[in-house]
Amino acid sequence: MDASEKASAALVGMQKNAENVFAGYLNFTKQIGQYGPIDHKMQELILLACSLMSQCEMCISLHIQGAAGLGASKEEIIHAAMLAIAMGGSPKMMYMRNVFEEVEDLFG
């Protein structure tokens, strides 16, 4: 099971076990995504950088897929990830393997 499949399983578990709370969370994140001047591709790239800072492998995978699906290039995705390294240092660099694996899967 890859990282995005694990994330999907976690979300299904939240839906099943905390439906009202999870629905509220989804509504909250949806409203944030619709608010303001930042386009959705840029939002995904920001979320990717935040995912590296949080050291969340599943989030890294999901936000790379989201950014690519919205037209982000391989170079834009890697650059966004490297910005997180600039802020977080060597511990964040260790998560670049997740970025490179996902980028390879998507872009070849």
C-alpha atoms as a PDB file:
ATOM      1  CA  MET A   1       0.000   0.000   0.000  1.00  0.00           C
ATOM      2  CA  ASP A   2       1.544   3.332  -1.051  1.00  0.00           C
ATOM      3  CA  ALA A   3       1.360   6.579   0.923  1.00  0.00           C
ATOM      4  CA  SER A   4      -1.731   7.911  -0.859  1.00  0.00           C
ATOM      5  CA  GLU A   5      -3.573   4.625  -0.284  1.00  0.00           C
ATOM      6  CA  LYS A   6      -2.638   4.758   3.419  1.00  0.00           C
ATOM      7  CA  ALA A   7      -3.898   8.334   3.591  1.00  0.00           C
ATOM      8  CA  SER A   8      -7.170   7.314   1.938  1.00  0.00           C
ATOM      9  CA  ALA A   9      -7.582   4.502   4.472  1.00  0.00           C
ATOM     10  CA  ALA A  10      -6.995   6.951   7.327  1.00  0.00           C
ATOM     11  CA  LEU A  11      -9.618   9.305   5.908  1.00  0.00           C
ATOM     12  CA  VAL A  12     -12.121   6.463   5.546  1.00  0.00           C
ATOM     13  CA  GLY A  13     -11.480   5.606   9.199  1.00  0.00           C
ATOM     14  CA  MET A  14     -12.146   9.208  10.213  1.00  0.00           C
ATOM     15  CA  GLN A  15     -15.353   9.227   8.188  1.00  0.00           C
ATOM     16  CA  LYS A  16     -16.500   6.011   9.835  1.00  0.00           C
ATOM     17  CA  ASN A  17     -15.504   6.788  13.414  1.00  0.00           C
ATOM     18  CA  ALA A  18     -15.922  10.556  13.690  1.00  0.00           C
ATOM     19  CA  GLU A  19     -18.300  11.465  10.893  1.00  0.00           C
ATOM     20  CA  ASN A  20     -19.543  14.830  12.224  1.00  0.00           C
ATOM     21  CA  VAL A  21     -16.111  16.027  13.290  1.00  0.00           C
ATOM     22  CA  PHE A  22     -14.568  14.903  10.025  1.00  0.00           C
ATOM     23  CA  ALA A  23     -17.328  16.573   7.994  1.00  0.00           C
ATOM     24  CA  GLY A  24     -16.690  19.826   9.867  1.00  0.00           C
ATOM     25  CA  TYR A  25     -12.967  19.548   9.213  1.00  0.00           C
ATOM     26  CA  LEU A  26     -13.528  18.931   5.493  1.00  0.00           C
ATOM     27  CA  ASN A  27     -15.869  21.916   5.290  1.00  0.00           C
ATOM     28  CA  PHE A  28     -13.305  24.090   7.078  1.00  0.00           C
ATOM     29  CA  THR A  29     -10.475  23.104   4.726  1.00  0.00           C
ATOM     30  CA  LYS A  30     -12.740  23.522   1.691  1.00  0.00           C
ATOM     31  CA  GLN A  31     -13.617  27.072   2.747  1.00  0.00           C
ATOM     32  CA  ILE A  32      -9.951  27.943   3.268  1.00  0.00           C
ATOM     33  CA  GLY A  33      -9.170  26.622  -0.222  1.00  0.00           C
ATOM     34  CA  GLN A  34     -11.871  28.834  -1.735  1.00  0.00           C
ATOM     35  CA  TYR A  35     -10.859  31.939   0.199  1.00  0.00           C
ATOM     36  CA  GLY A  36      -8.427  34.509  -1.085  1.00  0.00           C
ATOM     37  CA  PRO A  37      -6.311  35.197  -4.136  1.00  0.00           C
ATOM     38  CA  ILE A  38      -3.967  32.175  -4.103  1.00  0.00           C
ATOM     39  CA  ASP A  39      -4.805  29.788  -6.944  1.00  0.00           C
ATOM     40  CA  HIS A  40      -5.275  26.084  -6.239  1.00  0.00           C
ATOM     41  CA  LYS A  41      -1.994  24.966  -7.822  1.00  0.00           C
ATOM     42  CA  MET A  42      -0.046  27.371  -5.610  1.00  0.00           C
ATOM     43  CA  GLN A  43      -2.052  26.217  -2.599  1.00  0.00           C
ATOM     44  CA  GLU A  44      -0.996  22.624  -3.278  1.00  0.00           C
ATOM     45  CA  LEU A  45       2.646  23.676  -3.574  1.00  0.00           C
ATOM     46  CA  ILE A  46       2.401  25.524  -0.250  1.00  0.00           C
ATOM     47  CA  LEU A  47       0.724  22.505   1.319  1.00  0.00           C
ATOM     48  CA  LEU A  48       3.531  20.328  -0.043  1.00  0.00           C
ATOM     49  CA  ALA A  49       6.121  22.513   1.693  1.00  0.00           C
ATOM     50  CA  CYS A  50       4.050  22.374   4.894  1.00  0.00           C
ATOM     51  CA  SER A  51       3.862  18.580   4.547  1.00  0.00           C
ATOM     52  CA  LEU A  52       7.649  18.347   4.503  1.00  0.00           C
ATOM     53  CA  MET A  53       7.837  20.625   7.532  1.00  0.00           C
ATOM     54  CA  SER A  54       5.334  18.346   9.288  1.00  0.00           C
ATOM     55  CA  GLN A  55       7.246  15.256   8.132  1.00  0.00           C
ATOM     56  CA  CYS A  56       4.012  13.622   6.934  1.00  0.00           C
ATOM     57  CA  GLU A  57       4.801  11.094   4.205  1.00  0.00           C
ATOM     58  CA  MET A  58       1.153  10.616   3.268  1.00  0.00           C
ATOM     59  CA  CYS A  59       0.588  14.370   3.032  1.00  0.00           C
ATOM     60  CA  ILE A  60       3.687  14.774   0.864  1.00  0.00           C
ATOM     61  CA  SER A  61       2.335  12.197  -1.575  1.00  0.00           C
ATOM     62  CA  LEU A  62      -1.186  13.627  -1.656  1.00  0.00           C
ATOM     63  CA  HIS A  63      -0.057  17.220  -2.192  1.00  0.00           C
ATOM     64  CA  ILE A  64       2.418  16.288  -4.913  1.00  0.00           C
ATOM     65  CA  GLN A  65      -0.400  14.455  -6.692  1.00  0.00           C
ATOM     66  CA  GLY A  66      -2.702  17.435  -6.140  1.00  0.00           C
ATOM     67  CA  ALA A  67      -0.161  19.923  -7.469  1.00  0.00           C
ATOM     68  CA  ALA A  68       0.654  17.774 -10.502  1.00  0.00           C
ATOM     69  CA  GLY A  69      -3.051  17.320 -11.185  1.00  0.00           C
ATOM     70  CA  LEU A  70      -3.401  21.098 -11.266  1.00  0.00           C
ATOM     71  CA  GLY A  71      -0.557  21.509 -13.740  1.00  0.00           C
ATOM     72  CA  ALA A  72       2.499  21.933 -11.514  1.00  0.00           C
ATOM     73  CA  SER A  73       5.689  20.863 -13.233  1.00  0.00           C
ATOM     74  CA  LYS A  74       8.239  18.467 -11.800  1.00  0.00           C
ATOM     75  CA  GLU A  75      10.547  21.451 -11.274  1.00  0.00           C
ATOM     76  CA  GLU A  76       7.895  23.479  -9.417  1.00  0.00           C
ATOM     77  CA  ILE A  77       7.171  20.535  -7.117  1.00  0.00           C
ATOM     78  CA  ILE A  78      10.845  19.968  -6.313  1.00  0.00           C
ATOM     79  CA  HIS A  79      11.397  23.703  -5.769  1.00  0.00           C
ATOM     80  CA  ALA A  80       8.470  23.924  -3.321  1.00  0.00           C
ATOM     81  CA  ALA A  81       9.885  20.967  -1.403  1.00  0.00           C
ATOM     82  CA  MET A  82      13.346  22.528  -1.335  1.00  0.00           C
ATOM     83  CA  LEU A  83      11.908  25.718   0.178  1.00  0.00           C
ATOM     84  CA  ALA A  84      10.827  23.622   3.149  1.00  0.00           C
ATOM     85  CA  ILE A  85      14.389  22.337   3.479  1.00  0.00           C
ATOM     86  CA  ALA A  86      15.617  25.926   3.553  1.00  0.00           C
ATOM     87  CA  MET A  87      13.428  26.514   6.607  1.00  0.00           C
ATOM     88  CA  GLY A  88      13.715  23.117   8.265  1.00  0.00           C
ATOM     89  CA  GLY A  89      17.250  21.974   7.548  1.00  0.00           C
ATOM     90  CA  SER A  90      18.644  18.473   7.310  1.00  0.00           C
ATOM     91  CA  PRO A  91      15.755  16.648   9.045  1.00  0.00           C
ATOM     92  CA  LYS A  92      13.405  17.887   6.325  1.00  0.00           C
ATOM     93  CA  MET A  93      15.903  16.917   3.633  1.00  0.00           C
ATOM     94  CA  MET A  94      15.417  13.267   4.614  1.00  0.00           C
ATOM     95  CA  TYR A  95      11.847  13.499   3.292  1.00  0.00           C
ATOM     96  CA  MET A  96      13.032  14.476  -0.187  1.00  0.00           C
ATOM     97  CA  ARG A  97      13.194  10.755  -0.975  1.00  0.00           C
ATOM     98  CA  ASN A  98       9.397  10.772  -0.743  1.00  0.00           C
ATOM     99  CA  VAL A  99       9.259  13.735  -3.091  1.00  0.00           C
ATOM    100  CA  PHE A 100      11.603  12.135  -5.616  1.00  0.00           C
ATOM    101  CA  GLU A 101       9.732   8.807  -5.495  1.00  0.00           C
ATOM    102  CA  GLU A 102       6.348  10.452  -6.065  1.00  0.00           C
ATOM    103  CA  VAL A 103       7.687  12.743  -8.804  1.00  0.00           C
ATOM    104  CA  GLU A 104       9.259   9.742 -10.536  1.00  0.00           C
ATOM    105  CA  ASP A 105       5.942   7.885 -10.388  1.00  0.00           C
ATOM    106  CA  LEU A 106       4.067  10.856 -11.849  1.00  0.00           C
ATOM    107  CA  PHE A 107       6.536  12.291 -14.351  1.00  0.00           C
ATOM    108  CA  GLY A 108       8.811   9.343 -15.115  1.00  0.00           C
END
